């Protein structure tokens, strides 16, 4: 998933995120602690922040086929 790689490598986000998972993968791992399941279809990724360890649900939006990146909207 391009958006995951973007968040892990783009300098503006790399320093903020300690890890980024596809939502379904997160629910099978760290998300189990929270009783989450993969039924929420609006969440695409989950990011964990450096320092605080907070989790952020992320919905990815693709706006233009010819852009080199997609816009990522974070849902808090």
N, C-alpha and C. Protein backbone atom coordinates (compact mmCIF):
# COMPACT_ATOMS: atom_id res chain seq x y z
N UNK A 1 0.85 -1.18 0.00
CA UNK A 1 0.00 0.00 0.00
C UNK A 1 0.89 1.24 0.00
N UNK A 2 0.74 2.04 -1.03
CA UNK A 2 1.57 3.22 -1.21
C UNK A 2 1.47 4.20 -0.04
N UNK A 3 0.28 4.40 0.49
CA UNK A 3 0.09 5.38 1.56
C UNK A 3 0.89 5.00 2.80
N UNK A 4 0.96 3.71 3.09
CA UNK A 4 1.73 3.25 4.25
C UNK A 4 3.21 3.59 4.06
N UNK A 5 3.74 3.30 2.88
CA UNK A 5 5.14 3.61 2.61
C UNK A 5 5.38 5.11 2.68
N UNK A 6 4.44 5.89 2.17
CA UNK A 6 4.55 7.35 2.21
C UNK A 6 4.67 7.85 3.65
N UNK A 7 3.82 7.37 4.54
CA UNK A 7 3.84 7.81 5.93
C UNK A 7 5.13 7.37 6.64
N UNK A 8 5.68 6.24 6.24
CA UNK A 8 6.89 5.73 6.90
C UNK A 8 8.17 6.38 6.36
N UNK A 9 8.10 7.00 5.17
CA UNK A 9 9.33 7.54 4.58
C UNK A 9 9.31 9.06 4.37
N UNK A 10 8.15 9.66 4.21
CA UNK A 10 8.05 11.12 4.02
C UNK A 10 8.53 11.84 5.29
N UNK A 11 9.53 12.72 5.18
CA UNK A 11 10.07 13.38 6.37
C UNK A 11 9.03 14.06 7.26
N UNK A 12 7.98 14.62 6.67
CA UNK A 12 6.96 15.30 7.48
C UNK A 12 6.22 14.33 8.40
N UNK A 13 6.13 13.06 8.02
CA UNK A 13 5.40 12.08 8.82
C UNK A 13 6.32 11.05 9.49
N UNK A 14 7.46 10.78 8.88
CA UNK A 14 8.37 9.76 9.40
C UNK A 14 8.74 10.00 10.85
N UNK A 15 9.00 11.26 11.19
CA UNK A 15 9.39 11.60 12.55
C UNK A 15 8.21 11.53 13.53
N UNK A 16 6.99 11.52 13.02
CA UNK A 16 5.82 11.48 13.89
C UNK A 16 5.32 10.06 14.15
N UNK A 17 5.52 9.17 13.20
CA UNK A 17 4.97 7.81 13.29
C UNK A 17 6.04 6.79 13.65
N UNK A 18 5.81 6.04 14.71
CA UNK A 18 6.74 4.97 15.03
C UNK A 18 6.42 3.71 14.23
N UNK A 19 5.16 3.56 13.82
CA UNK A 19 4.76 2.44 12.98
C UNK A 19 3.43 2.76 12.30
N UNK A 20 3.19 2.10 11.18
CA UNK A 20 1.94 2.26 10.43
C UNK A 20 1.53 0.88 9.95
N UNK A 21 0.27 0.50 10.21
CA UNK A 21 -0.26 -0.80 9.81
C UNK A 21 -1.51 -0.66 8.95
N UNK A 22 -1.76 -1.58 8.05
CA UNK A 22 -3.10 -1.67 7.46
C UNK A 22 -4.06 -2.00 8.61
N UNK A 23 -5.26 -1.47 8.57
CA UNK A 23 -6.19 -1.64 9.70
C UNK A 23 -6.41 -3.11 10.06
N UNK A 24 -6.64 -3.95 9.06
CA UNK A 24 -6.90 -5.37 9.33
C UNK A 24 -5.72 -6.03 10.03
N UNK A 25 -4.50 -5.66 9.64
CA UNK A 25 -3.30 -6.22 10.28
C UNK A 25 -3.21 -5.73 11.73
N UNK A 26 -3.51 -4.45 11.96
CA UNK A 26 -3.47 -3.88 13.31
C UNK A 26 -4.45 -4.59 14.25
N UNK A 27 -5.63 -4.93 13.74
CA UNK A 27 -6.63 -5.58 14.59
C UNK A 27 -6.19 -6.98 15.02
N UNK A 28 -5.34 -7.62 14.22
CA UNK A 28 -4.85 -8.95 14.57
C UNK A 28 -3.64 -8.88 15.50
N UNK A 29 -3.03 -7.71 15.61
CA UNK A 29 -1.84 -7.54 16.44
C UNK A 29 -2.12 -6.65 17.64
N UNK A 30 -1.57 -5.43 17.59
CA UNK A 30 -1.71 -4.50 18.71
C UNK A 30 -3.15 -4.09 18.98
N UNK A 31 -3.99 -4.11 17.98
CA UNK A 31 -5.38 -3.73 18.16
C UNK A 31 -6.20 -4.71 18.98
N UNK A 32 -5.71 -5.95 19.12
CA UNK A 32 -6.42 -6.94 19.94
C UNK A 32 -6.60 -6.45 21.36
N UNK A 33 -5.64 -5.71 21.86
CA UNK A 33 -5.69 -5.16 23.21
C UNK A 33 -6.92 -4.29 23.42
N UNK A 34 -7.37 -3.66 22.34
CA UNK A 34 -8.49 -2.73 22.42
C UNK A 34 -9.82 -3.35 22.02
N UNK A 35 -9.80 -4.64 21.76
CA UNK A 35 -11.03 -5.31 21.36
C UNK A 35 -11.51 -4.91 19.98
N UNK A 36 -10.60 -4.44 19.15
CA UNK A 36 -10.95 -4.01 17.80
C UNK A 36 -11.10 -5.21 16.88
N UNK A 37 -11.91 -5.05 15.86
CA UNK A 37 -11.99 -6.08 14.83
C UNK A 37 -11.92 -5.41 13.47
N UNK A 38 -11.80 -6.19 12.43
CA UNK A 38 -11.61 -5.65 11.09
C UNK A 38 -12.90 -5.22 10.42
N UNK A 39 -13.98 -5.05 11.18
CA UNK A 39 -15.27 -4.75 10.57
C UNK A 39 -15.45 -3.27 10.20
N UNK A 40 -14.59 -2.38 10.69
CA UNK A 40 -14.73 -0.96 10.36
C UNK A 40 -14.13 -0.71 8.98
N UNK A 41 -14.98 -0.55 7.99
CA UNK A 41 -14.52 -0.42 6.61
C UNK A 41 -14.04 0.98 6.28
N UNK A 42 -14.23 1.96 7.15
CA UNK A 42 -13.80 3.32 6.87
C UNK A 42 -12.35 3.59 7.23
N UNK A 43 -11.73 2.69 7.98
CA UNK A 43 -10.34 2.88 8.39
C UNK A 43 -9.44 2.08 7.47
N UNK A 44 -8.43 2.74 6.90
CA UNK A 44 -7.49 2.06 6.02
C UNK A 44 -6.18 1.72 6.72
N UNK A 45 -5.68 2.66 7.51
CA UNK A 45 -4.41 2.47 8.20
C UNK A 45 -4.53 2.90 9.65
N UNK A 46 -3.62 2.42 10.49
CA UNK A 46 -3.50 2.88 11.87
C UNK A 46 -2.04 3.25 12.08
N UNK A 47 -1.79 4.46 12.60
CA UNK A 47 -0.43 4.92 12.87
C UNK A 47 -0.24 5.08 14.37
N UNK A 48 0.94 4.71 14.82
CA UNK A 48 1.30 4.89 16.23
C UNK A 48 2.33 6.01 16.29
N UNK A 49 2.10 7.00 17.17
CA UNK A 49 3.00 8.14 17.25
C UNK A 49 4.20 7.85 18.13
N UNK A 50 5.33 8.48 17.75
CA UNK A 50 6.53 8.43 18.59
C UNK A 50 6.24 9.11 19.91
N UNK A 51 6.88 8.68 20.94
CA UNK A 51 6.78 9.36 22.22
C UNK A 51 5.54 9.01 23.01
N UNK A 52 4.37 9.39 22.53
CA UNK A 52 3.14 9.18 23.30
C UNK A 52 2.58 7.77 23.13
N UNK A 53 2.86 7.14 21.98
CA UNK A 53 2.30 5.81 21.73
C UNK A 53 0.83 5.84 21.36
N UNK A 54 0.30 7.04 21.09
CA UNK A 54 -1.11 7.16 20.69
C UNK A 54 -1.33 6.53 19.32
N UNK A 55 -2.53 6.02 19.09
CA UNK A 55 -2.91 5.46 17.80
C UNK A 55 -3.83 6.43 17.07
N UNK A 56 -3.68 6.49 15.75
CA UNK A 56 -4.52 7.35 14.92
C UNK A 56 -5.09 6.54 13.78
N UNK A 57 -6.41 6.57 13.64
CA UNK A 57 -7.08 5.91 12.51
C UNK A 57 -6.94 6.82 11.30
N UNK A 58 -6.62 6.23 10.16
CA UNK A 58 -6.37 7.01 8.94
C UNK A 58 -7.22 6.46 7.81
N UNK A 59 -7.85 7.38 7.11
CA UNK A 59 -8.59 7.02 5.90
C UNK A 59 -7.83 7.61 4.72
N UNK A 60 -7.49 6.79 3.75
CA UNK A 60 -6.70 7.23 2.60
C UNK A 60 -7.62 7.64 1.46
N UNK A 61 -7.31 8.75 0.87
CA UNK A 61 -8.07 9.28 -0.27
C UNK A 61 -7.14 9.46 -1.45
N UNK A 62 -7.55 8.99 -2.59
CA UNK A 62 -6.77 9.16 -3.81
C UNK A 62 -7.49 10.17 -4.68
N UNK A 63 -6.84 11.29 -4.97
CA UNK A 63 -7.50 12.37 -5.68
C UNK A 63 -7.13 12.51 -7.15
N UNK A 64 -5.93 12.08 -7.52
CA UNK A 64 -5.49 12.32 -8.90
C UNK A 64 -4.57 11.19 -9.34
N UNK A 65 -4.96 10.47 -10.35
CA UNK A 65 -4.20 9.34 -10.85
C UNK A 65 -2.79 9.72 -11.25
N UNK A 66 -2.55 10.96 -11.65
CA UNK A 66 -1.25 11.37 -12.18
C UNK A 66 -0.34 12.02 -11.14
N UNK A 67 -0.80 12.16 -9.93
CA UNK A 67 0.07 12.69 -8.89
C UNK A 67 0.98 11.58 -8.37
N UNK A 68 2.13 11.96 -7.88
CA UNK A 68 3.09 10.98 -7.36
C UNK A 68 2.75 10.54 -5.94
N UNK A 69 1.75 11.13 -5.35
CA UNK A 69 1.34 10.78 -4.00
C UNK A 69 -0.16 10.93 -3.86
N UNK A 70 -0.70 10.39 -2.81
CA UNK A 70 -2.11 10.58 -2.54
C UNK A 70 -2.26 11.37 -1.24
N UNK A 71 -3.36 12.00 -1.10
CA UNK A 71 -3.61 12.78 0.10
C UNK A 71 -4.11 11.84 1.18
N UNK A 72 -3.57 11.95 2.34
CA UNK A 72 -3.95 11.09 3.45
C UNK A 72 -4.68 11.94 4.48
N UNK A 73 -5.89 11.56 4.80
CA UNK A 73 -6.68 12.30 5.78
C UNK A 73 -6.73 11.48 7.07
N UNK A 74 -6.30 12.08 8.13
CA UNK A 74 -6.31 11.39 9.42
C UNK A 74 -7.62 11.64 10.12
N UNK A 75 -8.19 10.58 10.64
CA UNK A 75 -9.41 10.67 11.43
C UNK A 75 -9.04 10.51 12.88
N UNK A 76 -9.36 11.48 13.68
CA UNK A 76 -8.99 11.40 15.09
C UNK A 76 -10.21 11.12 15.90
